[in-house]
């Protein structure tokens, strides 16, 4: 189905489109309402070298370039389940991400917390700042590093308010609305296609029935014509045969002889003188013309009554 066909289908099935758009709006609103708003808080910490690893009275920030590997080790340790479980068990709805700060080339640790509650996000971010320092201290103690050479953490930034995250709600609402609209367009195309195919089948069936009726009527007309022709032929044949029979009867009646049996002169037991002549017996003469007319009238009356 091309664009023109789809536009035509939308015009013909506008009521399906309107209903689908209303449902899509309701679905988007429902998704927006059901998906909870989220708050995100972040904090950053910088690793500093121990006083025993730098010159006396030196600025420690000038020597942070060699701590990038130590920062990777700390991030790896903080990301382990046994460490984060201490916080996640207390706040199961909170999402925690600890990584190196992508905006800094130094040993900066970035902690990000996302929670449906801003208060929970604030509490978790504070716990993470403490947990990061304690974890780094445990690693160095385990390795027997002197206290003067141990790396320390300095908090750089902490969010005072949670950032409202609408991304999840927008994505959910968009998916619900767009999915419903797509389903509506599919339904419009399907309903219009089924309706048009049904209409075409009905049209073809009606044309076939009319054509069959037309052919049947033509055959009936031809059959009636043949029957009428046969009846007329039989009537004419019967009339001619009856006319000939009546003419023969009339002729023999006038001549005084029997058409079925005629005496032959000189037969056994008879003499030529016994043969009757026309003048010896004179049977009554009937009017042949009146008889034929009456017979034809009765036959025509019977034919008309039979029809």
Protein backbone atom coordinates (compact mmCIF):
# COMPACT_ATOMS: atom_id res chain seq x y z
CA UNK A 1 0.00 0.00 0.00
CA UNK A 2 1.49 3.32 -1.09
CA UNK A 3 1.02 6.76 0.44
CA UNK A 4 -2.00 7.64 -1.73
CA UNK A 5 -3.80 4.41 -0.83
CA UNK A 6 -3.02 4.95 2.86
CA UNK A 7 -4.36 8.51 2.76
CA UNK A 8 -7.51 7.26 1.06
CA UNK A 9 -7.92 4.55 3.69
CA UNK A 10 -7.49 7.12 6.47
CA UNK A 11 -10.16 9.27 4.87
CA UNK A 12 -12.59 6.38 4.57
CA UNK A 13 -11.87 4.99 8.05
CA UNK A 14 -11.48 8.31 9.84
CA UNK A 15 -13.45 7.05 12.83
CA UNK A 16 -10.85 4.32 13.44
CA UNK A 17 -8.09 6.92 13.20
CA UNK A 18 -9.79 9.25 15.67
CA UNK A 19 -10.38 6.42 18.14
CA UNK A 20 -6.77 5.29 17.78
CA UNK A 21 -5.41 8.79 18.39
CA UNK A 22 -7.53 9.12 21.52
CA UNK A 23 -6.30 5.76 22.78
CA UNK A 24 -2.70 6.77 21.95
CA UNK A 25 -3.07 9.94 24.02
CA UNK A 26 -4.48 8.00 26.93
CA UNK A 27 -1.69 5.43 26.68
CA UNK A 28 0.99 8.13 26.69
CA UNK A 29 -0.61 9.86 29.66
CA UNK A 30 -0.91 6.57 31.51
CA UNK A 31 2.75 5.77 30.92
CA UNK A 32 3.74 9.26 32.07
CA UNK A 33 1.71 8.81 35.25
CA UNK A 34 2.82 5.27 36.05
CA UNK A 35 6.52 5.83 35.52
CA UNK A 36 7.88 7.58 38.58
CA UNK A 37 10.06 10.63 38.38
CA UNK A 38 13.71 10.05 39.30
CA UNK A 39 16.24 12.23 41.09
CA UNK A 40 19.94 12.10 40.38
CA UNK A 41 22.74 13.32 42.62
CA UNK A 42 26.47 13.24 41.90
CA UNK A 43 29.70 13.78 43.83
CA UNK A 44 33.36 13.85 42.84
CA UNK A 45 36.47 13.02 44.84
CA UNK A 46 40.11 13.69 44.03
CA UNK A 47 42.98 11.43 45.06
CA UNK A 48 46.02 13.12 46.62
CA UNK A 49 49.46 11.60 47.27
CA UNK A 50 50.72 11.02 50.81
CA UNK A 51 52.94 13.63 52.42
CA UNK A 52 55.86 11.22 52.52
CA UNK A 53 55.82 10.77 48.71
CA UNK A 54 56.29 14.42 47.82
CA UNK A 55 58.86 17.04 48.80
CA UNK A 56 58.38 18.90 52.03
CA UNK A 57 56.03 21.86 51.87
CA UNK A 58 55.20 20.94 48.25
CA UNK A 59 51.78 21.41 46.73
CA UNK A 60 50.15 17.92 46.56
CA UNK A 61 47.93 18.93 43.63
CA UNK A 62 51.03 19.18 41.48
CA UNK A 63 51.74 15.49 41.95
CA UNK A 64 48.33 13.94 41.18
CA UNK A 65 49.34 12.88 37.67
CA UNK A 66 50.79 9.60 38.87
CA UNK A 67 47.63 8.49 40.69
CA UNK A 68 45.54 7.52 37.67
CA UNK A 69 46.29 3.83 38.11
CA UNK A 70 45.40 4.01 41.79
CA UNK A 71 42.09 5.65 40.81
CA UNK A 72 41.31 2.76 38.45
CA UNK A 73 42.01 0.27 41.23
CA UNK A 74 39.69 2.10 43.61
CA UNK A 75 36.88 2.31 41.02
CA UNK A 76 37.22 -1.40 40.39
CA UNK A 77 37.00 -2.16 44.07
CA UNK A 78 34.00 0.12 44.64
CA UNK A 79 32.13 -1.50 41.76
CA UNK A 80 32.28 -4.95 43.25
CA UNK A 81 29.00 -6.35 44.65
CA UNK A 82 30.44 -7.05 48.10
CA UNK A 83 31.18 -3.35 48.60
CA UNK A 84 28.05 -1.82 47.06
CA UNK A 85 25.80 -4.33 48.79
CA UNK A 86 26.34 -2.40 52.02
CA UNK A 87 24.35 0.49 50.51
CA UNK A 88 22.06 -1.31 48.05
CA UNK A 89 20.61 -3.52 50.75
CA UNK A 90 19.44 -0.46 52.65
CA UNK A 91 18.11 1.31 49.50
CA UNK A 92 16.93 -1.30 46.98
CA UNK A 93 15.34 1.26 44.62
CA UNK A 94 18.57 3.23 44.23
CA UNK A 95 20.86 2.91 41.22
CA UNK A 96 24.56 3.51 41.95
CA UNK A 97 27.30 4.13 39.39
CA UNK A 98 30.97 4.74 40.33
CA UNK A 99 33.51 5.51 37.62
CA UNK A 100 36.36 7.79 36.65
CA UNK A 101 35.24 11.31 35.78
CA UNK A 102 35.27 11.46 31.95
CA UNK A 103 35.61 15.25 32.06
CA UNK A 104 38.89 15.16 33.98
CA UNK A 105 42.28 13.71 33.11
CA UNK A 106 43.27 13.45 36.77
CA UNK A 107 42.48 10.78 39.36
CA UNK A 108 38.89 12.01 39.97
CA UNK A 109 36.27 9.52 41.20
CA UNK A 110 32.68 10.20 40.10
CA UNK A 111 29.80 8.77 42.13
CA UNK A 112 26.26 8.99 40.69
CA UNK A 113 23.04 8.02 42.48
CA UNK A 114 19.55 7.78 40.92
CA UNK A 115 16.51 7.26 43.12
CA UNK A 116 12.73 7.85 43.03
CA UNK A 117 13.22 9.87 46.22
CA UNK A 118 15.47 12.87 46.46
CA UNK A 119 15.99 12.26 50.17
CA UNK A 120 17.18 8.73 49.51
CA UNK A 121 19.53 10.00 46.82
CA UNK A 122 21.06 12.48 49.28
CA UNK A 123 21.54 9.82 51.96
CA UNK A 124 23.10 7.37 49.53
CA UNK A 125 25.54 9.89 48.09
CA UNK A 126 26.75 10.75 51.60
CA UNK A 127 27.22 7.08 52.42
CA UNK A 128 29.18 6.56 49.21
CA UNK A 129 31.60 9.39 50.03
CA UNK A 130 32.38 7.75 53.35
CA UNK A 131 32.51 4.26 51.82
CA UNK A 132 35.02 5.33 49.15
CA UNK A 133 37.42 6.76 51.74
CA UNK A 134 37.17 3.70 53.98
CA UNK A 135 37.66 1.32 51.05
CA UNK A 136 40.81 3.14 49.90
CA UNK A 137 42.15 3.07 53.46
CA UNK A 138 41.48 -0.68 53.77
CA UNK A 139 43.33 -1.40 50.54
CA UNK A 140 46.42 0.51 51.69
CA UNK A 141 46.35 -1.04 55.16
CA UNK A 142 46.17 -4.48 53.62
CA UNK A 143 49.29 -3.71 51.59
CA UNK A 144 51.16 -2.37 54.68
CA UNK A 145 51.67 1.12 53.33
CA UNK A 146 52.90 3.57 55.99
CA UNK A 147 50.38 6.22 57.00
CA UNK A 148 52.62 9.03 55.72
CA UNK A 149 52.69 7.47 52.25
CA UNK A 150 48.99 6.63 52.00
CA UNK A 151 46.80 8.23 49.33
CA UNK A 152 43.93 10.32 50.57
CA UNK A 153 40.62 11.52 49.06
CA UNK A 154 39.32 15.07 48.89
CA UNK A 155 35.67 15.81 48.07
CA UNK A 156 35.49 18.22 45.18
CA UNK A 157 31.77 18.58 44.41
CA UNK A 158 28.45 17.43 45.87
CA UNK A 159 24.95 18.21 44.56
CA UNK A 160 22.80 20.08 47.04
CA UNK A 161 19.59 19.20 45.18
CA UNK A 162 18.65 16.25 43.10
CA UNK A 163 18.36 16.70 39.36
CA UNK A 164 14.91 15.64 38.15
CA UNK A 165 15.26 13.04 35.44
CA UNK A 166 12.35 12.93 32.96
CA UNK A 167 14.09 10.79 30.40
CA UNK A 168 12.55 7.53 31.54
CA UNK A 169 9.06 8.99 31.61
CA UNK A 170 9.49 10.59 28.20
CA UNK A 171 10.77 7.37 26.69
CA UNK A 172 7.92 5.34 28.20
CA UNK A 173 5.29 7.84 27.09
CA UNK A 174 6.75 8.08 23.60
CA UNK A 175 6.88 4.33 23.17
CA UNK A 176 3.29 3.94 24.38
CA UNK A 177 1.94 6.72 22.16
CA UNK A 178 3.95 5.84 19.06
CA UNK A 179 3.16 2.15 19.42
CA UNK A 180 -0.56 2.86 19.67
CA UNK A 181 -0.47 5.16 16.63
CA UNK A 182 1.39 2.53 14.60
CA UNK A 183 -1.14 -0.09 15.65
CA UNK A 184 -3.95 2.28 14.67
CA UNK A 185 -2.53 2.77 11.19
CA UNK A 186 -2.18 -0.98 10.81
CA UNK A 187 -5.78 -1.48 11.90
CA UNK A 188 -6.98 1.18 9.45
CA UNK A 189 -5.16 -0.51 6.57
CA UNK A 190 -6.44 -3.95 7.61
CA UNK A 191 -10.07 -2.88 8.06
CA UNK A 192 -10.12 -0.92 4.81
CA UNK A 193 -8.53 -3.77 2.90
CA UNK A 194 -11.00 -6.32 4.24
CA UNK A 195 -13.97 -4.04 3.53
CA UNK A 196 -12.85 -3.34 -0.03
CA UNK A 197 -12.13 -7.00 -0.79
CA UNK A 198 -15.56 -7.98 0.58
CA UNK A 199 -17.22 -5.32 -1.57
CA UNK A 200 -15.37 -6.53 -4.65
CA UNK A 201 -16.40 -10.13 -3.97
CA UNK A 202 -20.03 -9.06 -3.59
CA UNK A 203 -19.84 -7.13 -6.85
CA UNK A 204 -18.38 -10.10 -8.69
CA UNK A 205 -21.00 -12.44 -7.20
CA UNK A 206 -23.81 -10.07 -8.17
CA UNK A 207 -22.46 -9.78 -11.72
CA UNK A 208 -22.16 -13.56 -11.97
CA UNK A 209 -25.75 -14.04 -10.76
CA UNK A 210 -27.08 -11.44 -13.20
CA UNK A 211 -25.13 -13.00 -16.05
CA UNK A 212 -26.45 -16.45 -15.15
CA UNK A 213 -30.01 -15.12 -14.98
CA UNK A 214 -29.57 -13.44 -18.34
CA UNK A 215 -28.30 -16.65 -19.93
CA UNK A 216 -31.08 -18.67 -18.31
CA UNK A 217 -33.67 -16.19 -19.58
CA UNK A 218 -32.20 -16.38 -23.08
CA UNK A 219 -32.33 -20.19 -22.98
CA UNK A 220 -35.95 -20.09 -21.76
CA UNK A 221 -36.88 -17.69 -24.54
CA UNK A 222 -35.20 -19.93 -27.09
CA UNK A 223 -36.97 -23.00 -25.66
CA UNK A 224 -40.36 -21.26 -25.73
CA UNK A 225 -39.73 -20.14 -29.31
CA UNK A 226 -38.89 -23.70 -30.35
CA UNK A 227 -41.99 -25.07 -28.60
CA UNK A 228 -44.23 -22.48 -30.26
CA UNK A 229 -42.71 -23.26 -33.63
CA UNK A 230 -43.27 -26.98 -33.09
CA UNK A 231 -46.87 -26.36 -32.05
CA UNK A 232 -47.51 -24.24 -35.14
CA UNK A 233 -45.92 -26.88 -37.34
CA UNK A 234 -48.04 -29.60 -35.74
CA UNK A 235 -51.16 -27.47 -36.14
CA UNK A 236 -50.49 -26.85 -39.82
CA UNK A 237 -49.65 -30.52 -40.43
CA UNK A 238 -52.80 -31.65 -38.59
CA UNK A 239 -54.96 -29.14 -40.44
CA UNK A 240 -53.65 -30.29 -43.83
CA UNK A 241 -54.11 -33.97 -42.93
CA UNK A 242 -57.66 -33.39 -41.66
CA UNK A 243 -58.47 -31.29 -44.69
CA UNK A 244 -57.30 -34.07 -47.00
CA UNK A 245 -59.26 -36.67 -45.01
CA UNK A 246 -62.39 -34.54 -45.05
CA UNK A 247 -62.02 -33.91 -48.76
CA UNK A 248 -61.72 -37.65 -49.42
CA UNK A 249 -64.75 -38.40 -47.24
CA UNK A 250 -66.77 -35.72 -48.97
CA UNK A 251 -65.72 -36.94 -52.43
CA UNK A 252 -66.62 -40.54 -51.68
CA UNK A 253 -69.85 -39.48 -50.02
CA UNK A 254 -70.89 -37.61 -53.11
CA UNK A 255 -69.86 -40.49 -55.37
CA UNK A 256 -71.66 -43.02 -53.13
CA UNK A 257 -68.58 -45.27 -52.60
CA UNK A 258 -66.84 -46.39 -49.40
CA UNK A 259 -63.20 -45.40 -49.37
CA UNK A 260 -62.29 -48.29 -47.19
CA UNK A 261 -63.98 -50.98 -49.27
CA UNK A 262 -64.98 -50.89 -52.92
CA UNK A 263 -66.76 -53.74 -54.79
CA UNK A 264 -65.07 -54.97 -57.85
CA UNK A 265 -67.24 -56.05 -60.79
CA UNK A 266 -67.17 -59.77 -61.56
CA UNK A 267 -66.37 -60.91 -58.04
CA UNK A 268 -67.37 -64.39 -56.91
CA UNK A 269 -71.09 -64.64 -56.16
CA UNK A 270 -71.84 -61.39 -57.78
CA UNK A 271 -72.80 -60.46 -61.28
CA UNK A 272 -71.99 -57.33 -63.11
CA UNK A 273 -75.60 -56.38 -62.90
CA UNK A 274 -75.48 -56.48 -59.07
CA UNK A 275 -72.94 -53.72 -58.94
CA UNK A 276 -74.56 -50.54 -57.77
CA UNK A 277 -74.22 -47.44 -59.83
CA UNK A 278 -74.27 -43.92 -58.61
CA UNK A 279 -77.81 -43.39 -59.82
CA UNK A 280 -79.21 -46.53 -58.11
CA UNK A 281 -78.63 -45.22 -54.53
CA UNK A 282 -78.41 -41.59 -53.73
CA UNK A 283 -77.26 -41.01 -50.13
CA UNK A 284 -77.90 -37.64 -48.62
CA UNK A 285 -75.32 -35.04 -49.52
CA UNK A 286 -73.91 -32.97 -46.68
CA UNK A 287 -72.37 -29.58 -46.96
CA UNK A 288 -68.57 -30.32 -46.79
CA UNK A 289 -67.64 -26.68 -46.45
CA UNK A 290 -69.65 -26.23 -43.22
CA UNK A 291 -68.21 -29.42 -41.74
CA UNK A 292 -64.61 -28.32 -42.34
CA UNK A 293 -65.21 -24.90 -40.82
CA UNK A 294 -66.78 -26.39 -37.70
CA UNK A 295 -63.90 -28.85 -37.32
CA UNK A 296 -61.25 -26.14 -37.69
CA UNK A 297 -63.07 -23.90 -35.21
CA UNK A 298 -63.21 -26.66 -32.60
CA UNK A 299 -59.50 -27.46 -33.06
CA UNK A 300 -58.40 -23.83 -32.70
CA UNK A 301 -60.56 -23.46 -29.61
CA UNK A 302 -58.92 -26.53 -28.06
CA UNK A 303 -55.40 -25.22 -28.88
CA UNK A 304 -56.14 -21.83 -27.31
CA UNK A 305 -57.58 -23.48 -24.18
CA UNK A 306 -54.47 -25.72 -23.89
CA UNK A 307 -52.17 -22.73 -23.91
